[in-house]
């Protein structure tokens, strides 16, 4: 097992990288974003590996989801190109499917699964109503499919947590979904640094929690 300081190193790197990323976004420095965002994504991948994710089938699926999310992070860096955004969206969609498969591989609590599905379904519907008028026609179906997929992933995470899976699994899934609202608001509703200020720390923190769920 790695020494404690080595195990915690990715968390520190992620925190510094997210701070640098926020500064770059605030300064509208695309070069800075290209420096800090890949480093922040690499840190949660390193965390999963150091914390032992490759040692279990659940962990390997989580690691796959993290890798696909990291690809999505890179694809969303270019601004103004719908093709890049669509590619990033599909990369994240594939990541959510990997996470969903990971949670489905664990025991599920039917009560927690149903309650989670109802709550997430209601929230997803509300987000869809809010976001719908702002979506370009060519992206409407992909975005709706994306939110259905992440909603299903969160419901499965809550079902697994209700059956005894680590709390980090449910918390990470919920945090990931919440952070996506900031991305949707930035892209389609109202571009503002406020979106990044709360969305980016929440997103990278959620990814670290998912990596930690594979370790515990």
C-alpha atoms as a PDB file:
ATOM      1  CA  UNK A   1       0.000   0.000   0.000  1.00  0.00           C
ATOM      2  CA  UNK A   2       1.319   3.472  -0.866  1.00  0.00           C
ATOM      3  CA  UNK A   3       2.412   5.752   1.986  1.00  0.00           C
ATOM      4  CA  UNK A   4      -0.268   8.168   3.166  1.00  0.00           C
ATOM      5  CA  UNK A   5       1.415  11.220   1.648  1.00  0.00           C
ATOM      6  CA  UNK A   6       1.609   9.483  -1.734  1.00  0.00           C
ATOM      7  CA  UNK A   7      -2.048   8.444  -1.543  1.00  0.00           C
ATOM      8  CA  UNK A   8      -3.072  12.012  -0.740  1.00  0.00           C
ATOM      9  CA  UNK A   9      -0.840  13.602  -3.374  1.00  0.00           C
ATOM     10  CA  UNK A  10      -3.474  13.434  -6.169  1.00  0.00           C
ATOM     11  CA  UNK A  11      -5.934  15.279  -3.924  1.00  0.00           C
ATOM     12  CA  UNK A  12      -3.450  18.097  -3.424  1.00  0.00           C
ATOM     13  CA  UNK A  13      -2.608  18.214  -7.126  1.00  0.00           C
ATOM     14  CA  UNK A  14      -6.310  18.293  -7.969  1.00  0.00           C
ATOM     15  CA  UNK A  15      -6.973  21.155  -5.536  1.00  0.00           C
ATOM     16  CA  UNK A  16      -4.095  23.237  -6.921  1.00  0.00           C
ATOM     17  CA  UNK A  17      -5.105  22.436 -10.509  1.00  0.00           C
ATOM     18  CA  UNK A  18      -8.729  23.419  -9.937  1.00  0.00           C
ATOM     19  CA  UNK A  19      -7.593  26.693  -8.354  1.00  0.00           C
ATOM     20  CA  UNK A  20      -5.380  27.350 -11.376  1.00  0.00           C
ATOM     21  CA  UNK A  21      -8.221  26.399 -13.707  1.00  0.00           C
ATOM     22  CA  UNK A  22     -10.616  28.803 -12.010  1.00  0.00           C
ATOM     23  CA  UNK A  23      -8.051  31.588 -12.317  1.00  0.00           C
ATOM     24  CA  UNK A  24      -7.578  30.800 -16.010  1.00  0.00           C
ATOM     25  CA  UNK A  25     -11.339  30.764 -16.620  1.00  0.00           C
ATOM     26  CA  UNK A  26     -11.708  34.069 -14.765  1.00  0.00           C
ATOM     27  CA  UNK A  27      -8.932  35.614 -16.882  1.00  0.00           C
ATOM     28  CA  UNK A  28     -10.396  34.002 -20.028  1.00  0.00           C
ATOM     29  CA  UNK A  29      -7.023  32.395 -20.696  1.00  0.00           C
ATOM     30  CA  UNK A  30      -7.524  29.434 -23.013  1.00  0.00           C
ATOM     31  CA  UNK A  31      -3.839  28.588 -22.666  1.00  0.00           C
ATOM     32  CA  UNK A  32      -4.253  28.384 -18.903  1.00  0.00           C
ATOM     33  CA  UNK A  33      -7.281  26.138 -19.279  1.00  0.00           C
ATOM     34  CA  UNK A  34      -5.249  23.802 -21.500  1.00  0.00           C
ATOM     35  CA  UNK A  35      -2.619  23.611 -18.756  1.00  0.00           C
ATOM     36  CA  UNK A  36      -4.760  23.178 -15.660  1.00  0.00           C
ATOM     37  CA  UNK A  37      -7.777  21.199 -16.827  1.00  0.00           C
ATOM     38  CA  UNK A  38      -5.843  18.172 -18.151  1.00  0.00           C
ATOM     39  CA  UNK A  39      -3.751  18.182 -14.981  1.00  0.00           C
ATOM     40  CA  UNK A  40      -6.856  18.201 -12.795  1.00  0.00           C
ATOM     41  CA  UNK A  41      -8.327  15.325 -14.835  1.00  0.00           C
ATOM     42  CA  UNK A  42      -5.075  13.370 -14.620  1.00  0.00           C
ATOM     43  CA  UNK A  43      -5.118  13.781 -10.847  1.00  0.00           C
ATOM     44  CA  UNK A  44      -8.399  11.906 -10.367  1.00  0.00           C
ATOM     45  CA  UNK A  45      -7.174   9.150 -12.669  1.00  0.00           C
ATOM     46  CA  UNK A  46      -3.965   8.890 -10.644  1.00  0.00           C
ATOM     47  CA  UNK A  47      -6.003   8.853  -7.435  1.00  0.00           C
ATOM     48  CA  UNK A  48      -8.096   5.892  -8.610  1.00  0.00           C
ATOM     49  CA  UNK A  49      -4.999   3.931  -9.593  1.00  0.00           C
ATOM     50  CA  UNK A  50      -3.125   4.725  -6.375  1.00  0.00           C
ATOM     51  CA  UNK A  51      -6.169   3.887  -4.272  1.00  0.00           C
ATOM     52  CA  UNK A  52      -6.490   0.432  -5.798  1.00  0.00           C
ATOM     53  CA  UNK A  53      -9.299   0.714  -8.341  1.00  0.00           C
ATOM     54  CA  UNK A  54      -7.680  -1.778 -10.775  1.00  0.00           C
ATOM     55  CA  UNK A  55      -7.904  -4.525  -8.131  1.00  0.00           C
ATOM     56  CA  UNK A  56     -11.678  -5.087  -8.480  1.00  0.00           C
ATOM     57  CA  UNK A  57     -14.202  -5.317 -11.296  1.00  0.00           C
ATOM     58  CA  UNK A  58     -16.157  -2.435  -9.735  1.00  0.00           C
ATOM     59  CA  UNK A  59     -12.982  -0.375  -9.528  1.00  0.00           C
ATOM     60  CA  UNK A  60     -12.048  -1.073 -13.132  1.00  0.00           C
ATOM     61  CA  UNK A  61     -15.445   0.130 -14.325  1.00  0.00           C
ATOM     62  CA  UNK A  62     -15.084   3.262 -12.209  1.00  0.00           C
ATOM     63  CA  UNK A  63     -11.611   3.784 -13.684  1.00  0.00           C
ATOM     64  CA  UNK A  64     -13.077   3.438 -17.178  1.00  0.00           C
ATOM     65  CA  UNK A  65     -15.699   6.045 -16.323  1.00  0.00           C
ATOM     66  CA  UNK A  66     -13.014   8.368 -15.011  1.00  0.00           C
ATOM     67  CA  UNK A  67     -10.930   7.921 -18.178  1.00  0.00           C
ATOM     68  CA  UNK A  68     -13.916   8.684 -20.419  1.00  0.00           C
ATOM     69  CA  UNK A  69     -14.713  11.726 -18.289  1.00  0.00           C
ATOM     70  CA  UNK A  70     -11.133  12.931 -18.652  1.00  0.00           C
ATOM     71  CA  UNK A  71     -11.510  12.642 -22.444  1.00  0.00           C
ATOM     72  CA  UNK A  72     -14.729  14.644 -22.188  1.00  0.00           C
ATOM     73  CA  UNK A  73     -12.909  17.323 -20.196  1.00  0.00           C
ATOM     74  CA  UNK A  74     -10.414  17.769 -23.024  1.00  0.00           C
ATOM     75  CA  UNK A  75     -13.056  17.763 -25.739  1.00  0.00           C
ATOM     76  CA  UNK A  76     -15.025  20.529 -24.016  1.00  0.00           C
ATOM     77  CA  UNK A  77     -12.068  22.925 -23.892  1.00  0.00           C
ATOM     78  CA  UNK A  78     -12.448  24.333 -27.447  1.00  0.00           C
ATOM     79  CA  UNK A  79     -15.067  27.072 -27.477  1.00  0.00           C
ATOM     80  CA  UNK A  80     -17.725  27.838 -30.033  1.00  0.00           C
ATOM     81  CA  UNK A  81     -17.594  24.559 -31.966  1.00  0.00           C
ATOM     82  CA  UNK A  82     -20.744  22.443 -31.697  1.00  0.00           C
ATOM     83  CA  UNK A  83     -18.893  19.372 -32.990  1.00  0.00           C
ATOM     84  CA  UNK A  84     -16.389  19.483 -30.109  1.00  0.00           C
ATOM     85  CA  UNK A  85     -19.201  19.938 -27.602  1.00  0.00           C
ATOM     86  CA  UNK A  86     -21.134  17.003 -29.065  1.00  0.00           C
ATOM     87  CA  UNK A  87     -18.015  14.809 -28.929  1.00  0.00           C
ATOM     88  CA  UNK A  88     -17.421  15.780 -25.309  1.00  0.00           C
ATOM     89  CA  UNK A  89     -21.057  15.111 -24.500  1.00  0.00           C
ATOM     90  CA  UNK A  90     -20.864  11.593 -25.941  1.00  0.00           C
ATOM     91  CA  UNK A  91     -17.614  10.931 -24.094  1.00  0.00           C
ATOM     92  CA  UNK A  92     -19.254  11.876 -20.807  1.00  0.00           C
ATOM     93  CA  UNK A  93     -22.320   9.835 -21.765  1.00  0.00           C
ATOM     94  CA  UNK A  94     -20.100   6.775 -22.220  1.00  0.00           C
ATOM     95  CA  UNK A  95     -18.489   7.552 -18.867  1.00  0.00           C
ATOM     96  CA  UNK A  96     -21.872   7.617 -17.153  1.00  0.00           C
ATOM     97  CA  UNK A  97     -22.730   4.261 -18.714  1.00  0.00           C
ATOM     98  CA  UNK A  98     -19.480   2.861 -17.277  1.00  0.00           C
ATOM     99  CA  UNK A  99     -20.374   4.256 -13.848  1.00  0.00           C
ATOM    100  CA  UNK A 100     -23.878   2.823 -14.150  1.00  0.00           C
ATOM    101  CA  UNK A 101     -22.420  -0.604 -14.973  1.00  0.00           C
ATOM    102  CA  UNK A 102     -20.165  -0.299 -11.919  1.00  0.00           C
ATOM    103  CA  UNK A 103     -23.084   0.449  -9.600  1.00  0.00           C
ATOM    104  CA  UNK A 104     -25.200  -2.252 -11.231  1.00  0.00           C
ATOM    105  CA  UNK A 105     -22.449  -4.759 -10.398  1.00  0.00           C
ATOM    106  CA  UNK A 106     -23.081  -4.088  -6.696  1.00  0.00           C
ATOM    107  CA  UNK A 107     -26.054  -5.228  -4.598  1.00  0.00           C
ATOM    108  CA  UNK A 108     -29.033  -2.884  -4.927  1.00  0.00           C
ATOM    109  CA  UNK A 109     -31.565  -1.777  -2.318  1.00  0.00           C
ATOM    110  CA  UNK A 110     -34.956  -1.788  -4.122  1.00  0.00           C
ATOM    111  CA  UNK A 111     -36.363   0.894  -1.809  1.00  0.00           C
ATOM    112  CA  UNK A 112     -33.363   3.191  -2.253  1.00  0.00           C
ATOM    113  CA  UNK A 113     -33.321   2.548  -5.997  1.00  0.00           C
ATOM    114  CA  UNK A 114     -36.996   3.422  -6.437  1.00  0.00           C
ATOM    115  CA  UNK A 115     -36.781   6.479  -4.179  1.00  0.00           C
ATOM    116  CA  UNK A 116     -33.650   7.637  -5.958  1.00  0.00           C
ATOM    117  CA  UNK A 117     -35.179   7.088  -9.388  1.00  0.00           C
ATOM    118  CA  UNK A 118     -38.289   9.098  -8.465  1.00  0.00           C
ATOM    119  CA  UNK A 119     -36.293  11.979  -7.004  1.00  0.00           C
ATOM    120  CA  UNK A 120     -33.787  12.071  -9.853  1.00  0.00           C
ATOM    121  CA  UNK A 121     -36.551  11.716 -12.443  1.00  0.00           C
ATOM    122  CA  UNK A 122     -38.366  14.736 -11.031  1.00  0.00           C
ATOM    123  CA  UNK A 123     -35.182  16.805 -10.928  1.00  0.00           C
ATOM    124  CA  UNK A 124     -34.223  15.769 -14.462  1.00  0.00           C
ATOM    125  CA  UNK A 125     -37.664  16.730 -15.733  1.00  0.00           C
ATOM    126  CA  UNK A 126     -37.379  20.163 -14.087  1.00  0.00           C
ATOM    127  CA  UNK A 127     -33.932  20.720 -15.604  1.00  0.00           C
ATOM    128  CA  UNK A 128     -35.283  19.694 -19.006  1.00  0.00           C
ATOM    129  CA  UNK A 129     -38.172  22.171 -18.764  1.00  0.00           C
ATOM    130  CA  UNK A 130     -35.749  24.947 -17.757  1.00  0.00           C
ATOM    131  CA  UNK A 131     -33.140  24.112 -20.363  1.00  0.00           C
ATOM    132  CA  UNK A 132     -35.381  23.172 -23.297  1.00  0.00           C
ATOM    133  CA  UNK A 133     -36.054  26.658 -24.730  1.00  0.00           C
ATOM    134  CA  UNK A 134     -32.317  27.406 -24.827  1.00  0.00           C
ATOM    135  CA  UNK A 135     -31.163  24.269 -26.655  1.00  0.00           C
ATOM    136  CA  UNK A 136     -30.245  24.330 -30.361  1.00  0.00           C
ATOM    137  CA  UNK A 137     -32.358  21.863 -32.322  1.00  0.00           C
ATOM    138  CA  UNK A 138     -29.340  19.768 -33.363  1.00  0.00           C
ATOM    139  CA  UNK A 139     -28.327  19.226 -29.723  1.00  0.00           C
ATOM    140  CA  UNK A 140     -31.756  18.789 -28.147  1.00  0.00           C
ATOM    141  CA  UNK A 141     -31.934  14.982 -28.415  1.00  0.00           C
ATOM    142  CA  UNK A 142     -28.283  14.345 -27.387  1.00  0.00           C
ATOM    143  CA  UNK A 143     -28.614  16.604 -24.334  1.00  0.00           C
ATOM    144  CA  UNK A 144     -31.875  14.973 -23.230  1.00  0.00           C
ATOM    145  CA  UNK A 145     -30.362  11.506 -23.693  1.00  0.00           C
ATOM    146  CA  UNK A 146     -27.385  12.611 -21.657  1.00  0.00           C
ATOM    147  CA  UNK A 147     -29.517  13.719 -18.722  1.00  0.00           C
ATOM    148  CA  UNK A 148     -31.550  10.508 -18.831  1.00  0.00           C
ATOM    149  CA  UNK A 149     -28.298   8.517 -18.701  1.00  0.00           C
ATOM    150  CA  UNK A 150     -26.829  10.483 -15.815  1.00  0.00           C
ATOM    151  CA  UNK A 151     -30.155  10.265 -13.979  1.00  0.00           C
ATOM    152  CA  UNK A 152     -30.142   6.482 -14.315  1.00  0.00           C
ATOM    153  CA  UNK A 153     -26.523   6.391 -13.132  1.00  0.00           C
ATOM    154  CA  UNK A 154     -27.347   8.432 -10.035  1.00  0.00           C
ATOM    155  CA  UNK A 155     -30.371   6.257  -9.222  1.00  0.00           C
ATOM    156  CA  UNK A 156     -28.220   3.120  -9.437  1.00  0.00           C
ATOM    157  CA  UNK A 157     -25.557   4.774  -7.252  1.00  0.00           C
ATOM    158  CA  UNK A 158     -28.174   5.562  -4.606  1.00  0.00           C
ATOM    159  CA  UNK A 159     -29.554   2.031  -4.847  1.00  0.00           C
ATOM    160  CA  UNK A 160     -26.078   0.610  -4.289  1.00  0.00           C
ATOM    161  CA  UNK A 161     -25.402   3.009  -1.414  1.00  0.00           C
ATOM    162  CA  UNK A 162     -28.682   1.992   0.182  1.00  0.00           C
ATOM    163  CA  UNK A 163     -27.501  -1.631   0.033  1.00  0.00           C
ATOM    164  CA  UNK A 164     -24.235  -0.850   1.802  1.00  0.00           C
ATOM    165  CA  UNK A 165     -21.904   0.547  -0.862  1.00  0.00           C
ATOM    166  CA  UNK A 166     -19.599   3.384   0.264  1.00  0.00           C
ATOM    167  CA  UNK A 167     -21.296   6.743   0.765  1.00  0.00           C
ATOM    168  CA  UNK A 168     -18.663   8.149  -1.584  1.00  0.00           C
ATOM    169  CA  UNK A 169     -20.396   6.355  -4.462  1.00  0.00           C
ATOM    170  CA  UNK A 170     -23.754   8.051  -3.938  1.00  0.00           C
ATOM    171  CA  UNK A 171     -22.236  11.414  -3.030  1.00  0.00           C
ATOM    172  CA  UNK A 172     -19.926  11.361  -6.053  1.00  0.00           C
ATOM    173  CA  UNK A 173     -22.737  10.500  -8.455  1.00  0.00           C
ATOM    174  CA  UNK A 174     -25.034  13.218  -7.066  1.00  0.00           C
ATOM    175  CA  UNK A 175     -22.221  15.770  -7.129  1.00  0.00           C
ATOM    176  CA  UNK A 176     -21.396  14.906 -10.739  1.00  0.00           C
ATOM    177  CA  UNK A 177     -25.012  15.382 -11.802  1.00  0.00           C
ATOM    178  CA  UNK A 178     -25.280  18.691  -9.961  1.00  0.00           C
ATOM    179  CA  UNK A 179     -22.087  19.970 -11.573  1.00  0.00           C
ATOM    180  CA  UNK A 180     -23.529  19.268 -15.019  1.00  0.00           C
ATOM    181  CA  UNK A 181     -26.191  21.883 -14.365  1.00  0.00           C
ATOM    182  CA  UNK A 182     -23.435  24.507 -14.244  1.00  0.00           C
ATOM    183  CA  UNK A 183     -22.100  23.280 -17.600  1.00  0.00           C
ATOM    184  CA  UNK A 184     -25.569  23.424 -19.157  1.00  0.00           C
ATOM    185  CA  UNK A 185     -26.158  26.934 -17.788  1.00  0.00           C
ATOM    186  CA  UNK A 186     -22.778  28.117 -19.088  1.00  0.00           C
ATOM    187  CA  UNK A 187     -23.254  26.662 -22.573  1.00  0.00           C
ATOM    188  CA  UNK A 188     -26.912  27.360 -23.205  1.00  0.00           C
ATOM    189  CA  UNK A 189     -28.426  29.833 -20.741  1.00  0.00           C
ATOM    190  CA  UNK A 190     -26.070  32.440 -19.287  1.00  0.00           C
ATOM    191  CA  UNK A 191     -22.279  32.423 -19.578  1.00  0.00           C
ATOM    192  CA  UNK A 192     -20.747  33.609 -16.312  1.00  0.00           C
ATOM    193  CA  UNK A 193     -17.719  32.889 -14.136  1.00  0.00           C
ATOM    194  CA  UNK A 194     -20.183  31.985 -11.372  1.00  0.00           C
ATOM    195  CA  UNK A 195     -20.973  28.753 -13.233  1.00  0.00           C
ATOM    196  CA  UNK A 196     -17.333  27.660 -13.104  1.00  0.00           C
ATOM    197  CA  UNK A 197     -16.828  28.945  -9.559  1.00  0.00           C
ATOM    198  CA  UNK A 198     -19.176  26.345  -8.085  1.00  0.00           C
ATOM    199  CA  UNK A 199     -19.403  23.790 -10.894  1.00  0.00           C
ATOM    200  CA  UNK A 200     -15.714  22.964 -11.361  1.00  0.00           C
ATOM    201  CA  UNK A 201     -14.844  22.284  -7.693  1.00  0.00           C
ATOM    202  CA  UNK A 202     -18.015  20.202  -7.390  1.00  0.00           C
ATOM    203  CA  UNK A 203     -17.213  18.197 -10.522  1.00  0.00           C
ATOM    204  CA  UNK A 204     -13.605  17.384  -9.638  1.00  0.00           C
ATOM    205  CA  UNK A 205     -14.540  16.688  -6.023  1.00  0.00           C
ATOM    206  CA  UNK A 206     -17.228  14.278  -7.248  1.00  0.00           C
ATOM    207  CA  UNK A 207     -14.714  12.453  -9.430  1.00  0.00           C
ATOM    208  CA  UNK A 208     -12.370  12.050  -6.467  1.00  0.00           C
ATOM    209  CA  UNK A 209     -15.256  10.641  -4.413  1.00  0.00           C
ATOM    210  CA  UNK A 210     -16.028   8.110  -7.138  1.00  0.00           C
ATOM    211  CA  UNK A 211     -12.356   7.135  -7.241  1.00  0.00           C
ATOM    212  CA  UNK A 212     -12.395   6.760  -3.453  1.00  0.00           C
ATOM    213  CA  UNK A 213     -15.507   4.566  -3.608  1.00  0.00           C
ATOM    214  CA  UNK A 214     -13.447   2.042  -5.563  1.00  0.00           C
ATOM    215  CA  UNK A 215     -10.800   2.074  -2.852  1.00  0.00           C
ATOM    216  CA  UNK A 216     -13.162   1.523   0.057  1.00  0.00           C
END
